[in-house]
Amino acid sequence: MDETESLNRAIHEDVELFPYNPNWPAMFQGERDRLLHLFPGDFLAIEHIGSTAVPGLSAKPIIDILAGVDSMSGADELMEPLCQAKYATSMEFNASLV
């Protein structure tokens, strides 16, 4: 399945909430470490956001990550490499809604 098909399936899938999983913070930490390894020095901060970041809250089990950069041009330059590393970006998601 290609990334576009995967993204479209995610957009149109039924939403199923799962009980809080205490492993979600560790899963985020693993992704944070991976991003820092793949893109050293590119991010000002990497934060765990969304419902999986709230202890005790039921959630759709997708780890949402917000990564800060120093400029929009820096963000634009990271889009393709992030997608090549199998991340879905909000820009990619928004483009799929058109």
C-alpha atoms as a PDB file:
ATOM      1  CA  MET A   1       0.000   0.000   0.000  1.00  0.00           C
ATOM      2  CA  ASP A   2       1.446   3.385  -0.952  1.00  0.00           C
ATOM      3  CA  GLU A   3       1.408   6.446   1.319  1.00  0.00           C
ATOM      4  CA  THR A   4      -1.534   8.094  -0.466  1.00  0.00           C
ATOM      5  CA  GLU A   5      -3.672   4.986  -0.143  1.00  0.00           C
ATOM      6  CA  SER A   6      -2.680   4.619   3.506  1.00  0.00           C
ATOM      7  CA  LEU A   7      -3.550   8.252   4.196  1.00  0.00           C
ATOM      8  CA  ASN A   8      -6.919   7.969   2.434  1.00  0.00           C
ATOM      9  CA  ARG A   9      -7.757   4.856   4.442  1.00  0.00           C
ATOM     10  CA  ALA A  10      -6.927   6.728   7.648  1.00  0.00           C
ATOM     11  CA  ILE A  11      -9.140   9.649   6.655  1.00  0.00           C
ATOM     12  CA  HIS A  12     -12.153   7.475   5.909  1.00  0.00           C
ATOM     13  CA  GLU A  13     -11.789   4.762   8.525  1.00  0.00           C
ATOM     14  CA  ASP A  14     -14.167   4.312  11.413  1.00  0.00           C
ATOM     15  CA  VAL A  15     -12.774   5.882  14.559  1.00  0.00           C
ATOM     16  CA  GLU A  16     -12.134   3.382  17.305  1.00  0.00           C
ATOM     17  CA  LEU A  17     -10.918   4.554  20.696  1.00  0.00           C
ATOM     18  CA  PHE A  18      -8.717   2.364  22.838  1.00  0.00           C
ATOM     19  CA  PRO A  19      -8.151   2.511  26.590  1.00  0.00           C
ATOM     20  CA  TYR A  20      -5.066   4.472  27.616  1.00  0.00           C
ATOM     21  CA  ASN A  21      -1.899   2.514  26.923  1.00  0.00           C
ATOM     22  CA  PRO A  22       0.957   3.262  29.336  1.00  0.00           C
ATOM     23  CA  ASN A  23       3.397   2.387  26.508  1.00  0.00           C
ATOM     24  CA  TRP A  24       2.369   5.434  24.424  1.00  0.00           C
ATOM     25  CA  PRO A  25       4.918   7.780  26.076  1.00  0.00           C
ATOM     26  CA  ALA A  26       7.709   5.271  25.371  1.00  0.00           C
ATOM     27  CA  MET A  27       6.502   4.884  21.787  1.00  0.00           C
ATOM     28  CA  PHE A  28       6.694   8.660  21.395  1.00  0.00           C
ATOM     29  CA  GLN A  29      10.189   8.699  22.907  1.00  0.00           C
ATOM     30  CA  GLY A  30      11.274   6.063  20.385  1.00  0.00           C
ATOM     31  CA  GLU A  31       9.956   8.162  17.495  1.00  0.00           C
ATOM     32  CA  ARG A  32      11.516  11.306  18.954  1.00  0.00           C
ATOM     33  CA  ASP A  33      14.872   9.547  19.164  1.00  0.00           C
ATOM     34  CA  ARG A  34      14.471   8.281  15.580  1.00  0.00           C
ATOM     35  CA  LEU A  35      13.719  11.793  14.303  1.00  0.00           C
ATOM     36  CA  LEU A  36      16.705  13.252  16.147  1.00  0.00           C
ATOM     37  CA  HIS A  37      18.912  10.526  14.668  1.00  0.00           C
ATOM     38  CA  LEU A  38      17.578  10.949  11.101  1.00  0.00           C
ATOM     39  CA  PHE A  39      17.600  14.763  11.186  1.00  0.00           C
ATOM     40  CA  PRO A  40      20.276  15.897  13.651  1.00  0.00           C
ATOM     41  CA  GLY A  41      20.094  19.597  14.418  1.00  0.00           C
ATOM     42  CA  ASP A  42      16.972  20.243  12.302  1.00  0.00           C
ATOM     43  CA  PHE A  43      14.396  20.491  15.103  1.00  0.00           C
ATOM     44  CA  LEU A  44      14.107  23.091  17.873  1.00  0.00           C
ATOM     45  CA  ALA A  45      11.737  20.838  19.827  1.00  0.00           C
ATOM     46  CA  ILE A  46       9.796  17.623  19.343  1.00  0.00           C
ATOM     47  CA  GLU A  47       6.630  17.224  21.420  1.00  0.00           C
ATOM     48  CA  HIS A  48       4.100  14.455  22.005  1.00  0.00           C
ATOM     49  CA  ILE A  49       0.665  15.970  21.324  1.00  0.00           C
ATOM     50  CA  GLY A  50      -2.884  14.738  20.943  1.00  0.00           C
ATOM     51  CA  SER A  51      -4.940  12.308  22.956  1.00  0.00           C
ATOM     52  CA  THR A  52      -2.199   9.674  23.355  1.00  0.00           C
ATOM     53  CA  ALA A  53      -0.173  12.306  25.236  1.00  0.00           C
ATOM     54  CA  VAL A  54      -2.811  12.599  27.989  1.00  0.00           C
ATOM     55  CA  PRO A  55      -2.348   9.991  30.747  1.00  0.00           C
ATOM     56  CA  GLY A  56      -5.511   8.006  31.376  1.00  0.00           C
ATOM     57  CA  LEU A  57      -7.379   9.270  28.290  1.00  0.00           C
ATOM     58  CA  SER A  58      -8.843   6.833  25.758  1.00  0.00           C
ATOM     59  CA  ALA A  59      -7.491   7.532  22.283  1.00  0.00           C
ATOM     60  CA  LYS A  60      -7.138   6.460  18.705  1.00  0.00           C
ATOM     61  CA  PRO A  61      -3.751   4.714  19.021  1.00  0.00           C
ATOM     62  CA  ILE A  62      -1.741   7.030  16.797  1.00  0.00           C
ATOM     63  CA  ILE A  63       1.196   8.919  18.268  1.00  0.00           C
ATOM     64  CA  ASP A  64       0.903  12.545  17.146  1.00  0.00           C
ATOM     65  CA  ILE A  65       4.149  14.493  17.092  1.00  0.00           C
ATOM     66  CA  LEU A  66       4.733  18.227  16.721  1.00  0.00           C
ATOM     67  CA  ALA A  67       8.251  19.145  15.628  1.00  0.00           C
ATOM     68  CA  GLY A  68       9.374  22.772  15.698  1.00  0.00           C
ATOM     69  CA  VAL A  69      11.837  24.243  13.236  1.00  0.00           C
ATOM     70  CA  ASP A  70      13.372  27.699  12.940  1.00  0.00           C
ATOM     71  CA  SER A  71      11.660  28.741   9.681  1.00  0.00           C
ATOM     72  CA  MET A  72       8.955  27.811   7.205  1.00  0.00           C
ATOM     73  CA  SER A  73      11.617  27.226   4.565  1.00  0.00           C
ATOM     74  CA  GLY A  74      13.264  24.742   6.950  1.00  0.00           C
ATOM     75  CA  ALA A  75       9.921  22.993   7.390  1.00  0.00           C
ATOM     76  CA  ASP A  76       9.406  22.878   3.623  1.00  0.00           C
ATOM     77  CA  GLU A  77      12.852  21.348   3.124  1.00  0.00           C
ATOM     78  CA  LEU A  78      12.028  18.567   5.603  1.00  0.00           C
ATOM     79  CA  MET A  79       8.714  17.513   3.987  1.00  0.00           C
ATOM     80  CA  GLU A  80      10.130  15.158   1.381  1.00  0.00           C
ATOM     81  CA  PRO A  81      12.741  13.543   3.669  1.00  0.00           C
ATOM     82  CA  LEU A  82      10.080  13.027   6.377  1.00  0.00           C
ATOM     83  CA  CYS A  83       7.756  11.333   3.896  1.00  0.00           C
ATOM     84  CA  GLN A  84      10.647   9.188   2.637  1.00  0.00           C
ATOM     85  CA  ALA A  85      11.217   8.144   6.271  1.00  0.00           C
ATOM     86  CA  LYS A  86       7.564   6.922   6.322  1.00  0.00           C
ATOM     87  CA  TYR A  87       6.094   9.792   8.333  1.00  0.00           C
ATOM     88  CA  ALA A  88       2.770  11.362   7.382  1.00  0.00           C
ATOM     89  CA  THR A  89       2.853  15.142   7.631  1.00  0.00           C
ATOM     90  CA  SER A  90      -0.030  17.549   8.185  1.00  0.00           C
ATOM     91  CA  MET A  91       0.770  19.128   4.789  1.00  0.00           C
ATOM     92  CA  GLU A  92       0.375  15.698   3.166  1.00  0.00           C
ATOM     93  CA  PHE A  93      -2.873  15.147   5.057  1.00  0.00           C
ATOM     94  CA  ASN A  94      -4.299  18.556   4.134  1.00  0.00           C
ATOM     95  CA  ALA A  95      -3.432  18.078   0.441  1.00  0.00           C
ATOM     96  CA  SER A  96      -5.335  14.786   0.430  1.00  0.00           C
ATOM     97  CA  LEU A  97      -8.563  16.560   1.421  1.00  0.00           C
ATOM     98  CA  VAL A  98      -8.699  18.567  -1.818  1.00  0.00           C
END
